[in-house]
Amino acid sequence: MINIDDFKNVKALVIGDLMIDEYLWGSVDRISPEAPVPVVCVEEESHALGGAGNVIHNLVAMGAEVIAIGTAGTGKAGQMIFEKLEDLGIETDGIISEPQRPTTRKTRVIASSQQVLRIDKEIRKDINADTLEKLIKIIEIKIADADLLILSDYDKGLITRELIQQIVKLARKHNVLTMADPKSLNFSKYEQVSTLTPNRKEASLAANMDIKSEKDLFAAGQKIMDRVKLARLLITCGKDGMALFEKGKKPYTIESRARQVFDVSGAGDTVISLLGLGLAIGATFKESASIANAAAGIVVAKVGTATASIDELKQALADICSDKL
């Protein structure tokens, strides 16, 4: 029997693109006379950790100990990264300030609980050689104490092929589970990462084939498994749930647990976080995916980048058990 209270015993290393999600909350009562667009009267502003920061937040919400590794700019958004990580009790000695890489900021305009516009401020370029060397040295020190390593790749230039190769070597040396949530469509760079969690669109592009049926989905998944030399693959399919692939076993699907959907932003972060925690405490791939599926169903019912609490997850899992009776 899996006890999710054991999540608090997991030490997770999260390496990835740290971002700030900015929200402008307001209302609409007229259309602009200048163009056929709504005029949003902003009433409130809020900020949250995005990208790899949201993975970190999801893990912390489940009680896990987290080590953060990445880069941050030297501007206001970069400073906010440090402040919000410290608010979560996360040490920031693994975060390198790189003046030439401003922190990505995604600004979402929300009116009447609906997102009407998103504005991205970012620079997408590979980290420089000096930053790469510093990150590898930090990982060499930190990985020895980790149970789980998550690569949160938003394709902003931090998670390079060379960095992944070094991480895979270190993870094997220390027997640490490695997982990656890919945004780069060149999946070959994730070769021999143990678990990959793309969405259906990403899997379709990576496999270079249309996915219009379950048969197509299974074929694309197997193609990725073979090409990237994975032990496990989980493809998220939105309202259609998830497809699971495990080396030496037949693929299978899990139905979505979302009862209502307000905002899917960050749902992939929740999936990889909970999947990783499940595997780290000894749950099977299917059990871990079911836990991740339940948690994703919780966060998509909330507006904005959100996390599930341990109590919400316990209730969702209890509901699943009741539904099966």
C-alpha atoms as a PDB file:
ATOM      1  CA  MET A   1       0.000   0.000   0.000  1.00  0.00           C
ATOM      2  CA  ILE A   2       1.443   3.359  -1.068  1.00  0.00           C
ATOM      3  CA  ASN A   3       1.517   6.024   1.643  1.00  0.00           C
ATOM      4  CA  ILE A   4       1.885   9.502   0.143  1.00  0.00           C
ATOM      5  CA  ASP A   5       2.954  10.818   3.539  1.00  0.00           C
ATOM      6  CA  ASP A   6       6.278   9.164   2.637  1.00  0.00           C
ATOM      7  CA  PHE A   7       6.820  11.956   0.105  1.00  0.00           C
ATOM      8  CA  LYS A   8       8.345  13.936   2.967  1.00  0.00           C
ATOM      9  CA  ASN A   9      11.257  11.488   3.009  1.00  0.00           C
ATOM     10  CA  VAL A  10      12.217  12.225  -0.608  1.00  0.00           C
ATOM     11  CA  LYS A  11      15.089  14.531  -1.514  1.00  0.00           C
ATOM     12  CA  ALA A  12      14.657  15.852  -5.056  1.00  0.00           C
ATOM     13  CA  LEU A  13      17.130  17.706  -7.230  1.00  0.00           C
ATOM     14  CA  VAL A  14      15.408  19.995  -9.754  1.00  0.00           C
ATOM     15  CA  ILE A  15      17.455  21.372 -12.646  1.00  0.00           C
ATOM     16  CA  GLY A  16      15.711  23.621 -15.112  1.00  0.00           C
ATOM     17  CA  ASP A  17      14.499  26.918 -16.484  1.00  0.00           C
ATOM     18  CA  LEU A  18      13.373  29.114 -13.597  1.00  0.00           C
ATOM     19  CA  MET A  19      10.717  31.675 -14.547  1.00  0.00           C
ATOM     20  CA  ILE A  20       8.298  34.152 -13.044  1.00  0.00           C
ATOM     21  CA  ASP A  21       4.608  33.837 -13.844  1.00  0.00           C
ATOM     22  CA  GLU A  22       2.993  37.258 -13.522  1.00  0.00           C
ATOM     23  CA  TYR A  23      -0.792  37.586 -13.337  1.00  0.00           C
ATOM     24  CA  LEU A  24      -2.821  40.716 -13.994  1.00  0.00           C
ATOM     25  CA  TRP A  25      -6.331  40.131 -12.656  1.00  0.00           C
ATOM     26  CA  GLY A  26      -9.219  42.315 -13.769  1.00  0.00           C
ATOM     27  CA  SER A  27     -12.574  42.653 -15.462  1.00  0.00           C
ATOM     28  CA  VAL A  28     -13.893  43.550 -18.906  1.00  0.00           C
ATOM     29  CA  ASP A  29     -16.886  45.763 -19.506  1.00  0.00           C
ATOM     30  CA  ARG A  30     -16.152  47.265 -22.897  1.00  0.00           C
ATOM     31  CA  ILE A  31     -14.359  46.822 -26.216  1.00  0.00           C
ATOM     32  CA  SER A  32     -11.545  49.203 -27.123  1.00  0.00           C
ATOM     33  CA  PRO A  33     -12.494  51.971 -29.583  1.00  0.00           C
ATOM     34  CA  GLU A  34      -8.966  51.689 -31.020  1.00  0.00           C
ATOM     35  CA  ALA A  35      -9.183  48.008 -32.049  1.00  0.00           C
ATOM     36  CA  PRO A  36     -11.654  45.093 -31.666  1.00  0.00           C
ATOM     37  CA  VAL A  37     -10.079  43.915 -28.395  1.00  0.00           C
ATOM     38  CA  PRO A  38     -11.394  43.854 -24.808  1.00  0.00           C
ATOM     39  CA  VAL A  39     -10.278  46.521 -22.357  1.00  0.00           C
ATOM     40  CA  VAL A  40      -9.170  44.857 -19.131  1.00  0.00           C
ATOM     41  CA  CYS A  41      -9.357  46.996 -16.027  1.00  0.00           C
ATOM     42  CA  VAL A  42      -6.550  45.570 -13.850  1.00  0.00           C
ATOM     43  CA  GLU A  43      -7.566  45.267 -10.205  1.00  0.00           C
ATOM     44  CA  GLU A  44      -4.811  43.065  -8.803  1.00  0.00           C
ATOM     45  CA  GLU A  45      -1.337  41.739  -9.620  1.00  0.00           C
ATOM     46  CA  SER A  46       0.307  38.539  -8.389  1.00  0.00           C
ATOM     47  CA  HIS A  47       3.497  36.595  -9.073  1.00  0.00           C
ATOM     48  CA  ALA A  48       4.381  32.921  -8.817  1.00  0.00           C
ATOM     49  CA  LEU A  49       7.313  30.673  -9.622  1.00  0.00           C
ATOM     50  CA  GLY A  50       6.982  29.279 -13.135  1.00  0.00           C
ATOM     51  CA  GLY A  51       8.812  26.673 -15.207  1.00  0.00           C
ATOM     52  CA  ALA A  52      11.177  24.647 -13.036  1.00  0.00           C
ATOM     53  CA  GLY A  53      10.072  26.855 -10.143  1.00  0.00           C
ATOM     54  CA  ASN A  54       6.580  25.393 -10.420  1.00  0.00           C
ATOM     55  CA  VAL A  55       8.018  21.863 -10.288  1.00  0.00           C
ATOM     56  CA  ILE A  56       9.838  22.878  -7.113  1.00  0.00           C
ATOM     57  CA  HIS A  57       6.632  24.336  -5.652  1.00  0.00           C
ATOM     58  CA  ASN A  58       4.702  21.139  -6.418  1.00  0.00           C
ATOM     59  CA  LEU A  59       7.341  19.012  -4.688  1.00  0.00           C
ATOM     60  CA  VAL A  60       7.479  21.274  -1.633  1.00  0.00           C
ATOM     61  CA  ALA A  61       3.671  21.223  -1.392  1.00  0.00           C
ATOM     62  CA  MET A  62       3.931  17.433  -0.995  1.00  0.00           C
ATOM     63  CA  GLY A  63       6.483  17.778   1.813  1.00  0.00           C
ATOM     64  CA  ALA A  64       9.566  16.768  -0.174  1.00  0.00           C
ATOM     65  CA  GLU A  65      12.981  18.321   0.373  1.00  0.00           C
ATOM     66  CA  VAL A  66      14.136  20.109  -2.769  1.00  0.00           C
ATOM     67  CA  ILE A  67      17.479  21.290  -4.094  1.00  0.00           C
ATOM     68  CA  ALA A  68      17.182  23.898  -6.872  1.00  0.00           C
ATOM     69  CA  ILE A  69      19.765  24.293  -9.634  1.00  0.00           C
ATOM     70  CA  GLY A  70      19.552  26.771 -12.488  1.00  0.00           C
ATOM     71  CA  THR A  71      20.172  30.362 -13.514  1.00  0.00           C
ATOM     72  CA  ALA A  72      18.516  33.693 -12.804  1.00  0.00           C
ATOM     73  CA  GLY A  73      18.976  37.134 -14.289  1.00  0.00           C
ATOM     74  CA  THR A  74      20.118  40.138 -12.299  1.00  0.00           C
ATOM     75  CA  GLY A  75      16.955  42.197 -12.804  1.00  0.00           C
ATOM     76  CA  LYS A  76      13.687  42.410 -10.881  1.00  0.00           C
ATOM     77  CA  ALA A  77      12.373  39.039 -12.081  1.00  0.00           C
ATOM     78  CA  GLY A  78      15.680  37.366 -11.196  1.00  0.00           C
ATOM     79  CA  GLN A  79      15.591  38.817  -7.698  1.00  0.00           C
ATOM     80  CA  MET A  80      12.023  37.578  -7.352  1.00  0.00           C
ATOM     81  CA  ILE A  81      13.225  34.027  -8.140  1.00  0.00           C
ATOM     82  CA  PHE A  82      15.597  34.119  -5.171  1.00  0.00           C
ATOM     83  CA  GLU A  83      12.968  35.626  -2.864  1.00  0.00           C
ATOM     84  CA  LYS A  84      10.250  33.128  -3.746  1.00  0.00           C
ATOM     85  CA  LEU A  85      12.583  30.135  -3.430  1.00  0.00           C
ATOM     86  CA  GLU A  86      13.713  31.389  -0.023  1.00  0.00           C
ATOM     87  CA  ASP A  87      10.038  31.798   0.988  1.00  0.00           C
ATOM     88  CA  LEU A  88       9.607  28.078   0.237  1.00  0.00           C
ATOM     89  CA  GLY A  89      12.612  27.244   2.412  1.00  0.00           C
ATOM     90  CA  ILE A  90      14.784  26.384  -0.612  1.00  0.00           C
ATOM     91  CA  GLU A  91      18.508  27.094  -0.501  1.00  0.00           C
ATOM     92  CA  THR A  92      19.595  29.209  -3.466  1.00  0.00           C
ATOM     93  CA  ASP A  93      23.305  28.376  -3.593  1.00  0.00           C
ATOM     94  CA  GLY A  94      22.634  26.272  -6.699  1.00  0.00           C
ATOM     95  CA  ILE A  95      21.280  29.266  -8.642  1.00  0.00           C
ATOM     96  CA  ILE A  96      23.813  31.101 -10.807  1.00  0.00           C
ATOM     97  CA  SER A  97      23.212  34.745 -11.696  1.00  0.00           C
ATOM     98  CA  GLU A  98      23.959  35.319 -15.358  1.00  0.00           C
ATOM     99  CA  PRO A  99      23.568  38.993 -16.408  1.00  0.00           C
ATOM    100  CA  GLN A 100      23.299  38.104 -20.103  1.00  0.00           C
ATOM    101  CA  ARG A 101      20.343  35.771 -19.441  1.00  0.00           C
ATOM    102  CA  PRO A 102      17.377  37.767 -18.092  1.00  0.00           C
ATOM    103  CA  THR A 103      14.861  35.672 -16.187  1.00  0.00           C
ATOM    104  CA  THR A 104      11.908  34.629 -18.348  1.00  0.00           C
ATOM    105  CA  ARG A 105       8.694  36.364 -17.296  1.00  0.00           C
ATOM    106  CA  LYS A 106       5.301  35.261 -18.569  1.00  0.00           C
ATOM    107  CA  THR A 107       2.559  37.826 -18.003  1.00  0.00           C
ATOM    108  CA  ARG A 108      -0.988  36.499 -18.151  1.00  0.00           C
ATOM    109  CA  VAL A 109      -3.979  38.822 -18.251  1.00  0.00           C
ATOM    110  CA  ILE A 110      -6.984  37.226 -16.523  1.00  0.00           C
ATOM    111  CA  ALA A 111     -10.512  38.623 -16.787  1.00  0.00           C
ATOM    112  CA  SER A 112     -13.535  36.924 -15.203  1.00  0.00           C
ATOM    113  CA  SER A 113     -11.457  33.794 -14.508  1.00  0.00           C
ATOM    114  CA  GLN A 114     -10.452  33.523 -18.177  1.00  0.00           C
ATOM    115  CA  GLN A 115      -7.007  34.137 -19.655  1.00  0.00           C
ATOM    116  CA  VAL A 116      -7.357  36.719 -22.420  1.00  0.00           C
ATOM    117  CA  LEU A 117      -3.711  37.420 -23.227  1.00  0.00           C
ATOM    118  CA  ARG A 118      -0.169  36.199 -22.466  1.00  0.00           C
ATOM    119  CA  ILE A 119       2.988  38.240 -22.935  1.00  0.00           C
ATOM    120  CA  ASP A 120       6.404  36.531 -22.791  1.00  0.00           C
ATOM    121  CA  LYS A 121       9.666  38.337 -22.081  1.00  0.00           C
ATOM    122  CA  GLU A 122      12.592  35.992 -22.617  1.00  0.00           C
ATOM    123  CA  ILE A 123      15.880  35.238 -24.310  1.00  0.00           C
ATOM    124  CA  ARG A 124      16.363  31.719 -25.696  1.00  0.00           C
ATOM    125  CA  LYS A 125      20.031  30.929 -26.032  1.00  0.00           C
ATOM    126  CA  ASP A 126      22.343  28.257 -24.675  1.00  0.00           C
ATOM    127  CA  ILE A 127      24.151  28.884 -21.414  1.00  0.00           C
ATOM    128  CA  ASN A 128      27.791  29.876 -21.825  1.00  0.00           C
ATOM    129  CA  ALA A 129      30.678  27.491 -21.165  1.00  0.00           C
ATOM    130  CA  ASP A 130      31.502  29.084 -17.812  1.00  0.00           C
ATOM    131  CA  THR A 131      27.945  28.660 -16.525  1.00  0.00           C
ATOM    132  CA  LEU A 132      27.844  25.060 -17.786  1.00  0.00           C
ATOM    133  CA  GLU A 133      31.039  24.240 -15.895  1.00  0.00           C
ATOM    134  CA  LYS A 134      29.728  25.848 -12.701  1.00  0.00           C
ATOM    135  CA  LEU A 135      26.425  23.965 -12.924  1.00  0.00           C
ATOM    136  CA  ILE A 136      28.139  20.594 -13.414  1.00  0.00           C
ATOM    137  CA  LYS A 137      30.331  21.212 -10.372  1.00  0.00           C
ATOM    138  CA  ILE A 138      27.270  22.073  -8.281  1.00  0.00           C
ATOM    139  CA  ILE A 139      25.425  18.960  -9.484  1.00  0.00           C
ATOM    140  CA  GLU A 140      28.445  16.760  -8.688  1.00  0.00           C
ATOM    141  CA  ILE A 141      28.224  17.940  -5.075  1.00  0.00           C
ATOM    142  CA  LYS A 142      24.444  17.909  -4.663  1.00  0.00           C
ATOM    143  CA  ILE A 143      23.496  14.675  -6.463  1.00  0.00           C
ATOM    144  CA  ALA A 144      25.061  12.346  -3.886  1.00  0.00           C
ATOM    145  CA  ASP A 145      22.235  13.095  -1.423  1.00  0.00           C
ATOM    146  CA  ALA A 146      19.363  12.992  -3.937  1.00  0.00           C
ATOM    147  CA  ASP A 147      16.717  10.280  -4.413  1.00  0.00           C
ATOM    148  CA  LEU A 148      15.263  11.860  -7.536  1.00  0.00           C
ATOM    149  CA  LEU A 149      16.492  14.216 -10.263  1.00  0.00           C
ATOM    150  CA  ILE A 150      14.043  16.153 -12.432  1.00  0.00           C
ATOM    151  CA  LEU A 151      15.058  18.046 -15.572  1.00  0.00           C
ATOM    152  CA  SER A 152      12.469  20.744 -16.217  1.00  0.00           C
ATOM    153  CA  ASP A 153      13.328  21.781 -19.769  1.00  0.00           C
ATOM    154  CA  TYR A 154      11.394  24.718 -21.193  1.00  0.00           C
ATOM    155  CA  ASP A 155      13.827  25.008 -24.105  1.00  0.00           C
ATOM    156  CA  LYS A 156      15.305  28.335 -22.968  1.00  0.00           C
ATOM    157  CA  GLY A 157      18.901  27.139 -23.340  1.00  0.00           C
ATOM    158  CA  LEU A 158      19.759  25.815 -19.882  1.00  0.00           C
ATOM    159  CA  ILE A 159      19.200  22.090 -20.482  1.00  0.00           C
ATOM    160  CA  THR A 160      21.752  21.457 -23.223  1.00  0.00           C
ATOM    161  CA  ARG A 161      22.772  18.089 -24.642  1.00  0.00           C
ATOM    162  CA  GLU A 162      26.154  18.355 -22.915  1.00  0.00           C
ATOM    163  CA  LEU A 163      24.564  19.098 -19.547  1.00  0.00           C
ATOM    164  CA  ILE A 164      22.198  16.117 -19.887  1.00  0.00           C
ATOM    165  CA  GLN A 165      25.069  13.795 -20.798  1.00  0.00           C
ATOM    166  CA  GLN A 166      26.978  14.828 -17.683  1.00  0.00           C
ATOM    167  CA  ILE A 167      23.867  14.468 -15.521  1.00  0.00           C
ATOM    168  CA  VAL A 168      23.106  10.969 -16.828  1.00  0.00           C
ATOM    169  CA  LYS A 169      26.671   9.853 -15.993  1.00  0.00           C
ATOM    170  CA  LEU A 170      26.462  11.283 -12.473  1.00  0.00           C
ATOM    171  CA  ALA A 171      22.991   9.842 -11.885  1.00  0.00           C
ATOM    172  CA  ARG A 172      24.167   6.359 -12.866  1.00  0.00           C
ATOM    173  CA  LYS A 173      27.185   6.672 -10.590  1.00  0.00           C
ATOM    174  CA  HIS A 174      24.984   7.586  -7.621  1.00  0.00           C
ATOM    175  CA  ASN A 175      21.989   5.412  -8.614  1.00  0.00           C
ATOM    176  CA  VAL A 176      19.603   8.377  -8.837  1.00  0.00           C
ATOM    177  CA  LEU A 177      16.329   8.246 -10.801  1.00  0.00           C
ATOM    178  CA  THR A 178      16.340  10.783 -13.670  1.00  0.00           C
ATOM    179  CA  MET A 179      13.259  12.289 -15.289  1.00  0.00           C
ATOM    180  CA  ALA A 180      12.738  14.978 -17.914  1.00  0.00           C
ATOM    181  CA  ASP A 181       9.784  17.068 -19.035  1.00  0.00           C
ATOM    182  CA  PRO A 182      10.777  18.019 -22.596  1.00  0.00           C
ATOM    183  CA  LYS A 183       9.947  21.161 -24.523  1.00  0.00           C
ATOM    184  CA  SER A 184      12.791  20.775 -27.011  1.00  0.00           C
ATOM    185  CA  LEU A 185      11.552  18.764 -29.993  1.00  0.00           C
ATOM    186  CA  ASN A 186      14.959  17.154 -30.428  1.00  0.00           C
ATOM    187  CA  PHE A 187      14.276  14.259 -28.048  1.00  0.00           C
ATOM    188  CA  SER A 188      17.615  12.632 -28.900  1.00  0.00           C
ATOM    189  CA  LYS A 189      19.332  14.889 -26.369  1.00  0.00           C
ATOM    190  CA  TYR A 190      17.373  13.129 -23.590  1.00  0.00           C
ATOM    191  CA  GLU A 191      18.891   9.769 -24.499  1.00  0.00           C
ATOM    192  CA  GLN A 192      19.061   7.352 -21.529  1.00  0.00           C
ATOM    193  CA  VAL A 193      17.179   9.623 -19.149  1.00  0.00           C
ATOM    194  CA  SER A 194      15.087   6.993 -17.378  1.00  0.00           C
ATOM    195  CA  THR A 195      11.666   8.664 -17.749  1.00  0.00           C
ATOM    196  CA  LEU A 196      10.285  11.264 -20.178  1.00  0.00           C
ATOM    197  CA  THR A 197       6.903  13.064 -19.823  1.00  0.00           C
ATOM    198  CA  PRO A 198       5.944  14.912 -23.047  1.00  0.00           C
ATOM    199  CA  ASN A 199       2.407  15.943 -23.943  1.00  0.00           C
ATOM    200  CA  ARG A 200       0.652  14.510 -26.995  1.00  0.00           C
ATOM    201  CA  LYS A 201       1.594  17.404 -29.292  1.00  0.00           C
ATOM    202  CA  GLU A 202       5.262  17.169 -28.301  1.00  0.00           C
ATOM    203  CA  ALA A 203       5.223  13.396 -28.786  1.00  0.00           C
ATOM    204  CA  SER A 204       3.583  13.780 -32.195  1.00  0.00           C
ATOM    205  CA  LEU A 205       6.241  16.237 -33.373  1.00  0.00           C
ATOM    206  CA  ALA A 206       9.114  14.239 -31.880  1.00  0.00           C
ATOM    207  CA  ALA A 207       7.896  11.018 -33.528  1.00  0.00           C
ATOM    208  CA  ASN A 208       7.166  12.905 -36.785  1.00  0.00           C
ATOM    209  CA  MET A 209       3.676  11.448 -37.102  1.00  0.00           C
ATOM    210  CA  ASP A 210       0.074  12.512 -36.601  1.00  0.00           C
ATOM    211  CA  ILE A 211      -1.639  11.096 -33.537  1.00  0.00           C
ATOM    212  CA  LYS A 212      -5.323  10.665 -34.344  1.00  0.00           C
ATOM    213  CA  SER A 213      -6.094   7.409 -32.543  1.00  0.00           C
ATOM    214  CA  GLU A 214      -4.928   5.219 -29.683  1.00  0.00           C
ATOM    215  CA  LYS A 215      -3.109   3.064 -32.230  1.00  0.00           C
ATOM    216  CA  ASP A 216      -1.215   6.141 -33.462  1.00  0.00           C
ATOM    217  CA  LEU A 217      -0.470   7.151 -29.887  1.00  0.00           C
ATOM    218  CA  PHE A 218       0.983   3.754 -29.020  1.00  0.00           C
ATOM    219  CA  ALA A 219       3.044   3.702 -32.231  1.00  0.00           C
ATOM    220  CA  ALA A 220       4.460   7.168 -31.555  1.00  0.00           C
ATOM    221  CA  GLY A 221       5.266   6.254 -27.975  1.00  0.00           C
ATOM    222  CA  GLN A 222       7.100   3.095 -28.991  1.00  0.00           C
ATOM    223  CA  LYS A 223       9.045   5.026 -31.607  1.00  0.00           C
ATOM    224  CA  ILE A 224      10.203   7.504 -28.944  1.00  0.00           C
ATOM    225  CA  MET A 225      11.030   4.710 -26.480  1.00  0.00           C
ATOM    226  CA  ASP A 226      13.277   3.008 -29.021  1.00  0.00           C
ATOM    227  CA  ARG A 227      14.902   6.175 -30.327  1.00  0.00           C
ATOM    228  CA  VAL A 228      15.701   7.750 -26.939  1.00  0.00           C
ATOM    229  CA  LYS A 229      16.483   4.468 -25.130  1.00  0.00           C
ATOM    230  CA  LEU A 230      14.031   5.090 -22.298  1.00  0.00           C
ATOM    231  CA  ALA A 231      12.970   2.838 -19.445  1.00  0.00           C
ATOM    232  CA  ARG A 232       9.620   4.651 -19.133  1.00  0.00           C
ATOM    233  CA  LEU A 233       7.574   7.179 -21.096  1.00  0.00           C
ATOM    234  CA  LEU A 234       4.405   8.980 -20.032  1.00  0.00           C
ATOM    235  CA  ILE A 235       2.495  10.987 -22.641  1.00  0.00           C
ATOM    236  CA  THR A 236      -0.076  13.397 -21.224  1.00  0.00           C
ATOM    237  CA  CYS A 237      -3.193  13.713 -23.381  1.00  0.00           C
ATOM    238  CA  GLY A 238      -5.269  16.407 -21.667  1.00  0.00           C
ATOM    239  CA  LYS A 239      -8.904  15.383 -21.249  1.00  0.00           C
ATOM    240  CA  ASP A 240      -8.002  11.962 -22.683  1.00  0.00           C
ATOM    241  CA  GLY A 241      -5.755  11.140 -19.732  1.00  0.00           C
ATOM    242  CA  MET A 242      -2.314   9.586 -20.091  1.00  0.00           C
ATOM    243  CA  ALA A 243      -0.546   6.882 -22.061  1.00  0.00           C
ATOM    244  CA  LEU A 244       2.130   4.861 -20.267  1.00  0.00           C
ATOM    245  CA  PHE A 245       5.006   2.986 -21.864  1.00  0.00           C
ATOM    246  CA  GLU A 246       7.398   0.790 -19.912  1.00  0.00           C
ATOM    247  CA  LYS A 247      10.291  -1.195 -21.333  1.00  0.00           C
ATOM    248  CA  GLY A 248       9.288  -4.829 -21.899  1.00  0.00           C
ATOM    249  CA  LYS A 249       5.568  -4.199 -21.241  1.00  0.00           C
ATOM    250  CA  LYS A 250       2.514  -3.360 -23.343  1.00  0.00           C
ATOM    251  CA  PRO A 251       1.445   0.309 -23.312  1.00  0.00           C
ATOM    252  CA  TYR A 252      -1.776   1.273 -21.561  1.00  0.00           C
ATOM    253  CA  THR A 253      -3.866   4.371 -20.831  1.00  0.00           C
ATOM    254  CA  ILE A 254      -5.218   6.045 -17.702  1.00  0.00           C
ATOM    255  CA  GLU A 255      -8.390   8.146 -17.881  1.00  0.00           C
ATOM    256  CA  SER A 256      -8.292  11.814 -16.891  1.00  0.00           C
ATOM    257  CA  ARG A 257      -9.449  12.629 -13.351  1.00  0.00           C
ATOM    258  CA  ALA A 258     -10.239  16.301 -14.030  1.00  0.00           C
ATOM    259  CA  ARG A 259     -13.910  17.103 -13.305  1.00  0.00           C
ATOM    260  CA  GLN A 260     -13.619  20.711 -14.464  1.00  0.00           C
ATOM    261  CA  VAL A 261     -10.850  22.586 -16.263  1.00  0.00           C
ATOM    262  CA  PHE A 262     -10.139  26.293 -15.774  1.00  0.00           C
ATOM    263  CA  ASP A 263      -6.410  26.521 -16.542  1.00  0.00           C
ATOM    264  CA  VAL A 264      -3.987  23.859 -17.802  1.00  0.00           C
ATOM    265  CA  SER A 265      -0.861  26.005 -17.309  1.00  0.00           C
ATOM    266  CA  GLY A 266       1.614  24.123 -15.137  1.00  0.00           C
ATOM    267  CA  ALA A 267      -0.247  20.799 -15.256  1.00  0.00           C
ATOM    268  CA  GLY A 268       2.788  19.103 -16.816  1.00  0.00           C
ATOM    269  CA  ASP A 269       4.909  20.326 -13.894  1.00  0.00           C
ATOM    270  CA  THR A 270       2.483  18.679 -11.492  1.00  0.00           C
ATOM    271  CA  VAL A 271       2.563  15.407 -13.438  1.00  0.00           C
ATOM    272  CA  ILE A 272       6.355  15.016 -13.462  1.00  0.00           C
ATOM    273  CA  SER A 273       6.622  16.088  -9.808  1.00  0.00           C
ATOM    274  CA  LEU A 274       4.085  13.569  -8.504  1.00  0.00           C
ATOM    275  CA  LEU A 275       5.205  10.816 -10.875  1.00  0.00           C
ATOM    276  CA  GLY A 276       8.742  11.256  -9.589  1.00  0.00           C
ATOM    277  CA  LEU A 277       7.692  11.268  -5.951  1.00  0.00           C
ATOM    278  CA  GLY A 278       5.685   8.084  -6.451  1.00  0.00           C
ATOM    279  CA  LEU A 279       8.589   6.261  -8.074  1.00  0.00           C
ATOM    280  CA  ALA A 280      10.986   7.560  -5.415  1.00  0.00           C
ATOM    281  CA  ILE A 281       8.956   6.010  -2.578  1.00  0.00           C
ATOM    282  CA  GLY A 282       8.718   2.654  -4.335  1.00  0.00           C
ATOM    283  CA  ALA A 283       5.361   2.860  -6.115  1.00  0.00           C
ATOM    284  CA  THR A 284       5.019   1.138  -9.476  1.00  0.00           C
ATOM    285  CA  PHE A 285       4.953   3.210 -12.663  1.00  0.00           C
ATOM    286  CA  LYS A 286       1.183   2.734 -12.968  1.00  0.00           C
ATOM    287  CA  GLU A 287       0.568   3.630  -9.316  1.00  0.00           C
ATOM    288  CA  SER A 288       2.785   6.711  -9.605  1.00  0.00           C
ATOM    289  CA  ALA A 289       1.046   7.802 -12.821  1.00  0.00           C
ATOM    290  CA  SER A 290      -2.360   7.413 -11.151  1.00  0.00           C
ATOM    291  CA  ILE A 291      -1.216   9.662  -8.298  1.00  0.00           C
ATOM    292  CA  ALA A 292       0.123  12.205 -10.805  1.00  0.00           C
ATOM    293  CA  ASN A 293      -3.131  12.043 -12.769  1.00  0.00           C
ATOM    294  CA  ALA A 294      -5.167  12.758  -9.634  1.00  0.00           C
ATOM    295  CA  ALA A 295      -2.957  15.719  -8.724  1.00  0.00           C
ATOM    296  CA  ALA A 296      -3.192  17.142 -12.260  1.00  0.00           C
ATOM    297  CA  GLY A 297      -6.977  16.909 -12.023  1.00  0.00           C
ATOM    298  CA  ILE A 298      -6.814  19.140  -8.954  1.00  0.00           C
ATOM    299  CA  VAL A 299      -4.549  21.860 -10.374  1.00  0.00           C
ATOM    300  CA  VAL A 300      -6.370  22.302 -13.710  1.00  0.00           C
ATOM    301  CA  ALA A 301      -9.508  23.180 -11.730  1.00  0.00           C
ATOM    302  CA  LYS A 302      -7.670  26.224 -10.337  1.00  0.00           C
ATOM    303  CA  VAL A 303      -6.963  29.474 -12.178  1.00  0.00           C
ATOM    304  CA  GLY A 304      -3.289  30.298 -12.663  1.00  0.00           C
ATOM    305  CA  THR A 305      -0.147  28.287 -11.971  1.00  0.00           C
ATOM    306  CA  ALA A 306      -1.207  26.175  -8.998  1.00  0.00           C
ATOM    307  CA  THR A 307      -0.273  23.207  -6.851  1.00  0.00           C
ATOM    308  CA  ALA A 308      -2.229  20.511  -5.051  1.00  0.00           C
ATOM    309  CA  SER A 309      -1.944  20.167  -1.287  1.00  0.00           C
ATOM    310  CA  ILE A 310      -1.280  16.820   0.361  1.00  0.00           C
ATOM    311  CA  ASP A 311      -4.800  16.894   1.861  1.00  0.00           C
ATOM    312  CA  GLU A 312      -6.402  17.625  -1.521  1.00  0.00           C
ATOM    313  CA  LEU A 313      -4.482  14.740  -3.035  1.00  0.00           C
ATOM    314  CA  LYS A 314      -5.505  12.355  -0.244  1.00  0.00           C
ATOM    315  CA  GLN A 315      -9.148  13.290  -0.828  1.00  0.00           C
ATOM    316  CA  ALA A 316      -8.820  12.838  -4.605  1.00  0.00           C
ATOM    317  CA  LEU A 317      -7.243   9.402  -4.154  1.00  0.00           C
ATOM    318  CA  ALA A 318      -9.978   8.457  -1.678  1.00  0.00           C
ATOM    319  CA  ASP A 319     -12.598   9.500  -4.255  1.00  0.00           C
ATOM    320  CA  ILE A 320     -10.917   7.293  -6.858  1.00  0.00           C
ATOM    321  CA  CYS A 321     -11.105   4.338  -4.482  1.00  0.00           C
ATOM    322  CA  SER A 322     -14.789   5.077  -3.841  1.00  0.00           C
ATOM    323  CA  ASP A 323     -15.526   5.261  -7.562  1.00  0.00           C
ATOM    324  CA  LYS A 324     -14.066   1.777  -8.013  1.00  0.00           C
ATOM    325  CA  LEU A 325     -16.320   0.242  -5.339  1.00  0.00           C
END
